[in-house]
């Protein structure tokens, strides 16, 4: 069975607005693809979105790319500016390369650049990770959600 998957990534500010010029796709070599009124240029990258974590918490992910001065600068700036990274995984028809369906759409916080002689890695964390993200900016309270449990015990009826 042949499978074709394309990843679209878009850097965003914390308010959710797109950072212009920073939308990429990793399948159509040398091409710019239009998706949802946004142009995604080709860039060689891979994503790891934490699907293999033992606890299933998916609080850690990574974007990996070749080491270029532009890549290093982008990864450092993304972390300094506390940008978010939207990753959309799309299933393509392996014969026509037409989009069949969206597999996942995830938003991660740019947490830490890691650079060496072989690759550039942008460590990503959950936007809800209170340790890496210096959050919460909001906390769960009865004013926001109504009754809040006072114990960790749950019962079913």
C-alpha atoms as a PDB file:
ATOM      1  CA  UNK A   1       0.000   0.000   0.000  1.00  0.00           C
ATOM      2  CA  UNK A   2       1.352   3.400  -0.968  1.00  0.00           C
ATOM      3  CA  UNK A   3       0.709   6.392   1.275  1.00  0.00           C
ATOM      4  CA  UNK A   4       1.523  10.040   0.586  1.00  0.00           C
ATOM      5  CA  UNK A   5       1.542  12.545   3.446  1.00  0.00           C
ATOM      6  CA  UNK A   6       2.268  16.257   3.320  1.00  0.00           C
ATOM      7  CA  UNK A   7       2.917  18.435   6.350  1.00  0.00           C
ATOM      8  CA  UNK A   8       2.016  22.113   6.259  1.00  0.00           C
ATOM      9  CA  UNK A   9       3.513  24.347   8.943  1.00  0.00           C
ATOM     10  CA  UNK A  10       2.693  27.963   9.762  1.00  0.00           C
ATOM     11  CA  UNK A  11       4.402  30.105  12.384  1.00  0.00           C
ATOM     12  CA  UNK A  12       1.936  32.240  14.338  1.00  0.00           C
ATOM     13  CA  UNK A  13       2.055  34.922  16.990  1.00  0.00           C
ATOM     14  CA  UNK A  14       0.540  34.246  20.408  1.00  0.00           C
ATOM     15  CA  UNK A  15      -2.630  36.058  19.348  1.00  0.00           C
ATOM     16  CA  UNK A  16      -3.077  33.460  16.581  1.00  0.00           C
ATOM     17  CA  UNK A  17      -2.220  35.759  13.660  1.00  0.00           C
ATOM     18  CA  UNK A  18       0.080  34.321  10.994  1.00  0.00           C
ATOM     19  CA  UNK A  19       3.684  35.465  10.733  1.00  0.00           C
ATOM     20  CA  UNK A  20       3.818  36.441   7.050  1.00  0.00           C
ATOM     21  CA  UNK A  21       6.346  34.592   4.924  1.00  0.00           C
ATOM     22  CA  UNK A  22       6.729  31.670   7.325  1.00  0.00           C
ATOM     23  CA  UNK A  23       4.420  29.015   5.867  1.00  0.00           C
ATOM     24  CA  UNK A  24       6.042  25.846   4.521  1.00  0.00           C
ATOM     25  CA  UNK A  25       5.184  22.403   3.154  1.00  0.00           C
ATOM     26  CA  UNK A  26       7.477  19.389   2.864  1.00  0.00           C
ATOM     27  CA  UNK A  27       6.097  17.293   0.003  1.00  0.00           C
ATOM     28  CA  UNK A  28       5.975  19.226  -3.273  1.00  0.00           C
ATOM     29  CA  UNK A  29       9.665  19.861  -3.987  1.00  0.00           C
ATOM     30  CA  UNK A  30      10.391  23.243  -5.553  1.00  0.00           C
ATOM     31  CA  UNK A  31       6.726  24.233  -5.564  1.00  0.00           C
ATOM     32  CA  UNK A  32       4.514  26.652  -3.721  1.00  0.00           C
ATOM     33  CA  UNK A  33       1.144  25.192  -2.783  1.00  0.00           C
ATOM     34  CA  UNK A  34      -1.972  27.235  -2.098  1.00  0.00           C
ATOM     35  CA  UNK A  35      -4.034  25.904   0.805  1.00  0.00           C
ATOM     36  CA  UNK A  36      -6.838  27.822   2.538  1.00  0.00           C
ATOM     37  CA  UNK A  37      -5.790  31.103   0.861  1.00  0.00           C
ATOM     38  CA  UNK A  38      -2.194  30.797   2.104  1.00  0.00           C
ATOM     39  CA  UNK A  39       0.918  30.050   0.052  1.00  0.00           C
ATOM     40  CA  UNK A  40       3.159  27.338   1.482  1.00  0.00           C
ATOM     41  CA  UNK A  41       6.648  27.158  -0.026  1.00  0.00           C
ATOM     42  CA  UNK A  42       8.690  23.971  -0.060  1.00  0.00           C
ATOM     43  CA  UNK A  43      11.163  23.414   2.751  1.00  0.00           C
ATOM     44  CA  UNK A  44      12.899  20.173   3.723  1.00  0.00           C
ATOM     45  CA  UNK A  45      11.714  19.407   7.250  1.00  0.00           C
ATOM     46  CA  UNK A  46      10.299  16.610   9.355  1.00  0.00           C
ATOM     47  CA  UNK A  47       7.984  16.717  12.328  1.00  0.00           C
ATOM     48  CA  UNK A  48       7.687  14.535  15.386  1.00  0.00           C
ATOM     49  CA  UNK A  49       4.566  15.353  17.336  1.00  0.00           C
ATOM     50  CA  UNK A  50       5.034  13.206  20.419  1.00  0.00           C
ATOM     51  CA  UNK A  51       2.857  10.289  19.373  1.00  0.00           C
ATOM     52  CA  UNK A  52       5.370   7.864  20.878  1.00  0.00           C
ATOM     53  CA  UNK A  53       5.320   9.171  24.431  1.00  0.00           C
ATOM     54  CA  UNK A  54       4.695   6.461  27.006  1.00  0.00           C
ATOM     55  CA  UNK A  55       2.202   8.447  29.038  1.00  0.00           C
ATOM     56  CA  UNK A  56       0.263   9.623  26.009  1.00  0.00           C
ATOM     57  CA  UNK A  57       0.520  13.229  27.171  1.00  0.00           C
ATOM     58  CA  UNK A  58       1.814  14.540  23.812  1.00  0.00           C
ATOM     59  CA  UNK A  59       3.391  17.516  25.569  1.00  0.00           C
ATOM     60  CA  UNK A  60       6.606  17.370  23.536  1.00  0.00           C
ATOM     61  CA  UNK A  61       7.270  17.594  19.813  1.00  0.00           C
ATOM     62  CA  UNK A  62      10.016  18.654  17.408  1.00  0.00           C
ATOM     63  CA  UNK A  63      10.553  20.222  14.010  1.00  0.00           C
ATOM     64  CA  UNK A  64      13.775  19.026  12.356  1.00  0.00           C
ATOM     65  CA  UNK A  65      15.457  20.691   9.371  1.00  0.00           C
ATOM     66  CA  UNK A  66      18.902  20.909   7.754  1.00  0.00           C
ATOM     67  CA  UNK A  67      21.297  23.375   9.339  1.00  0.00           C
ATOM     68  CA  UNK A  68      21.282  26.592   7.308  1.00  0.00           C
ATOM     69  CA  UNK A  69      21.852  30.108   8.666  1.00  0.00           C
ATOM     70  CA  UNK A  70      18.228  30.947   7.785  1.00  0.00           C
ATOM     71  CA  UNK A  71      16.898  27.884   9.627  1.00  0.00           C
ATOM     72  CA  UNK A  72      18.957  28.645  12.721  1.00  0.00           C
ATOM     73  CA  UNK A  73      17.833  32.286  12.727  1.00  0.00           C
ATOM     74  CA  UNK A  74      14.179  31.317  12.256  1.00  0.00           C
ATOM     75  CA  UNK A  75      14.235  28.781  15.106  1.00  0.00           C
ATOM     76  CA  UNK A  76      15.937  31.228  17.487  1.00  0.00           C
ATOM     77  CA  UNK A  77      13.551  34.069  16.571  1.00  0.00           C
ATOM     78  CA  UNK A  78      10.501  31.796  16.943  1.00  0.00           C
ATOM     79  CA  UNK A  79      11.534  30.964  20.515  1.00  0.00           C
ATOM     80  CA  UNK A  80      12.509  34.518  21.451  1.00  0.00           C
ATOM     81  CA  UNK A  81       9.200  35.877  20.142  1.00  0.00           C
ATOM     82  CA  UNK A  82       7.247  33.004  21.743  1.00  0.00           C
ATOM     83  CA  UNK A  83       5.640  32.076  18.444  1.00  0.00           C
ATOM     84  CA  UNK A  84       3.284  29.161  17.982  1.00  0.00           C
ATOM     85  CA  UNK A  85       3.661  26.550  15.252  1.00  0.00           C
ATOM     86  CA  UNK A  86       0.624  25.090  13.537  1.00  0.00           C
ATOM     87  CA  UNK A  87       1.293  21.667  11.995  1.00  0.00           C
ATOM     88  CA  UNK A  88      -1.273  20.219   9.614  1.00  0.00           C
ATOM     89  CA  UNK A  89      -0.778  16.666   8.335  1.00  0.00           C
ATOM     90  CA  UNK A  90      -2.647  15.857   5.135  1.00  0.00           C
ATOM     91  CA  UNK A  91      -3.235  12.537   3.386  1.00  0.00           C
ATOM     92  CA  UNK A  92      -2.702  12.766  -0.379  1.00  0.00           C
ATOM     93  CA  UNK A  93      -3.860  10.459  -3.156  1.00  0.00           C
ATOM     94  CA  UNK A  94      -0.586   8.671  -4.072  1.00  0.00           C
ATOM     95  CA  UNK A  95      -1.378   8.745  -7.801  1.00  0.00           C
ATOM     96  CA  UNK A  96      -2.667  12.300  -8.284  1.00  0.00           C
ATOM     97  CA  UNK A  97      -1.294  13.983  -5.139  1.00  0.00           C
ATOM     98  CA  UNK A  98      -4.681  15.572  -4.607  1.00  0.00           C
ATOM     99  CA  UNK A  99      -5.602  16.179  -0.989  1.00  0.00           C
ATOM    100  CA  UNK A 100      -7.814  13.395   0.373  1.00  0.00           C
ATOM    101  CA  UNK A 101      -8.242  14.451   3.999  1.00  0.00           C
ATOM    102  CA  UNK A 102      -6.671  16.275   6.914  1.00  0.00           C
ATOM    103  CA  UNK A 103      -5.145  13.760   9.318  1.00  0.00           C
ATOM    104  CA  UNK A 104      -4.247  16.135  12.151  1.00  0.00           C
ATOM    105  CA  UNK A 105      -4.101  19.832  12.901  1.00  0.00           C
ATOM    106  CA  UNK A 106      -2.039  20.734  15.947  1.00  0.00           C
ATOM    107  CA  UNK A 107      -0.720  23.915  17.516  1.00  0.00           C
ATOM    108  CA  UNK A 108       2.541  23.889  19.460  1.00  0.00           C
ATOM    109  CA  UNK A 109       4.575  26.525  21.258  1.00  0.00           C
ATOM    110  CA  UNK A 110       8.144  27.124  20.032  1.00  0.00           C
ATOM    111  CA  UNK A 111      10.163  26.287  23.127  1.00  0.00           C
ATOM    112  CA  UNK A 112      13.868  25.735  22.426  1.00  0.00           C
ATOM    113  CA  UNK A 113      16.215  25.690  19.426  1.00  0.00           C
ATOM    114  CA  UNK A 114      18.881  22.975  19.303  1.00  0.00           C
ATOM    115  CA  UNK A 115      21.586  23.406  16.682  1.00  0.00           C
ATOM    116  CA  UNK A 116      24.519  21.166  15.803  1.00  0.00           C
ATOM    117  CA  UNK A 117      26.587  20.388  12.692  1.00  0.00           C
ATOM    118  CA  UNK A 118      24.058  17.885  11.310  1.00  0.00           C
ATOM    119  CA  UNK A 119      20.622  19.380  11.921  1.00  0.00           C
ATOM    120  CA  UNK A 120      18.539  22.124  13.431  1.00  0.00           C
ATOM    121  CA  UNK A 121      15.837  21.049  15.876  1.00  0.00           C
ATOM    122  CA  UNK A 122      13.069  23.272  17.111  1.00  0.00           C
ATOM    123  CA  UNK A 123      11.707  21.783  20.328  1.00  0.00           C
ATOM    124  CA  UNK A 124       7.996  22.339  20.696  1.00  0.00           C
ATOM    125  CA  UNK A 125       5.849  22.132  23.776  1.00  0.00           C
ATOM    126  CA  UNK A 126       2.182  22.216  24.456  1.00  0.00           C
ATOM    127  CA  UNK A 127       0.837  25.771  24.672  1.00  0.00           C
ATOM    128  CA  UNK A 128      -0.764  24.565  27.906  1.00  0.00           C
ATOM    129  CA  UNK A 129       2.563  23.476  29.449  1.00  0.00           C
ATOM    130  CA  UNK A 130       2.813  25.723  32.495  1.00  0.00           C
ATOM    131  CA  UNK A 131       6.515  25.048  33.124  1.00  0.00           C
ATOM    132  CA  UNK A 132       7.983  25.736  29.669  1.00  0.00           C
ATOM    133  CA  UNK A 133       5.498  28.414  28.728  1.00  0.00           C
ATOM    134  CA  UNK A 134       5.469  30.474  31.929  1.00  0.00           C
ATOM    135  CA  UNK A 135       1.713  30.101  32.021  1.00  0.00           C
ATOM    136  CA  UNK A 136      -1.102  29.831  33.019  1.00  0.00           C
ATOM    137  CA  UNK A 137      -2.355  33.190  31.976  1.00  0.00           C
ATOM    138  CA  UNK A 138      -5.757  31.880  33.084  1.00  0.00           C
ATOM    139  CA  UNK A 139      -6.624  29.341  35.718  1.00  0.00           C
ATOM    140  CA  UNK A 140      -9.663  27.122  36.047  1.00  0.00           C
ATOM    141  CA  UNK A 141     -12.035  28.733  38.487  1.00  0.00           C
ATOM    142  CA  UNK A 142     -15.706  28.424  39.300  1.00  0.00           C
ATOM    143  CA  UNK A 143     -16.210  31.873  37.708  1.00  0.00           C
ATOM    144  CA  UNK A 144     -15.011  30.451  34.363  1.00  0.00           C
ATOM    145  CA  UNK A 145     -16.422  26.924  34.367  1.00  0.00           C
ATOM    146  CA  UNK A 146     -18.976  26.603  37.160  1.00  0.00           C
ATOM    147  CA  UNK A 147     -18.562  24.002  39.876  1.00  0.00           C
ATOM    148  CA  UNK A 148     -14.960  22.874  40.307  1.00  0.00           C
ATOM    149  CA  UNK A 149     -14.113  19.548  42.012  1.00  0.00           C
ATOM    150  CA  UNK A 150     -12.230  19.859  45.291  1.00  0.00           C
ATOM    151  CA  UNK A 151     -10.761  16.323  45.299  1.00  0.00           C
ATOM    152  CA  UNK A 152      -9.017  14.116  42.779  1.00  0.00           C
ATOM    153  CA  UNK A 153     -11.550  11.337  43.232  1.00  0.00           C
ATOM    154  CA  UNK A 154     -14.175  10.750  40.546  1.00  0.00           C
ATOM    155  CA  UNK A 155     -17.287   8.701  40.983  1.00  0.00           C
ATOM    156  CA  UNK A 156     -19.772   7.407  38.450  1.00  0.00           C
ATOM    157  CA  UNK A 157     -23.477   7.007  38.967  1.00  0.00           C
END
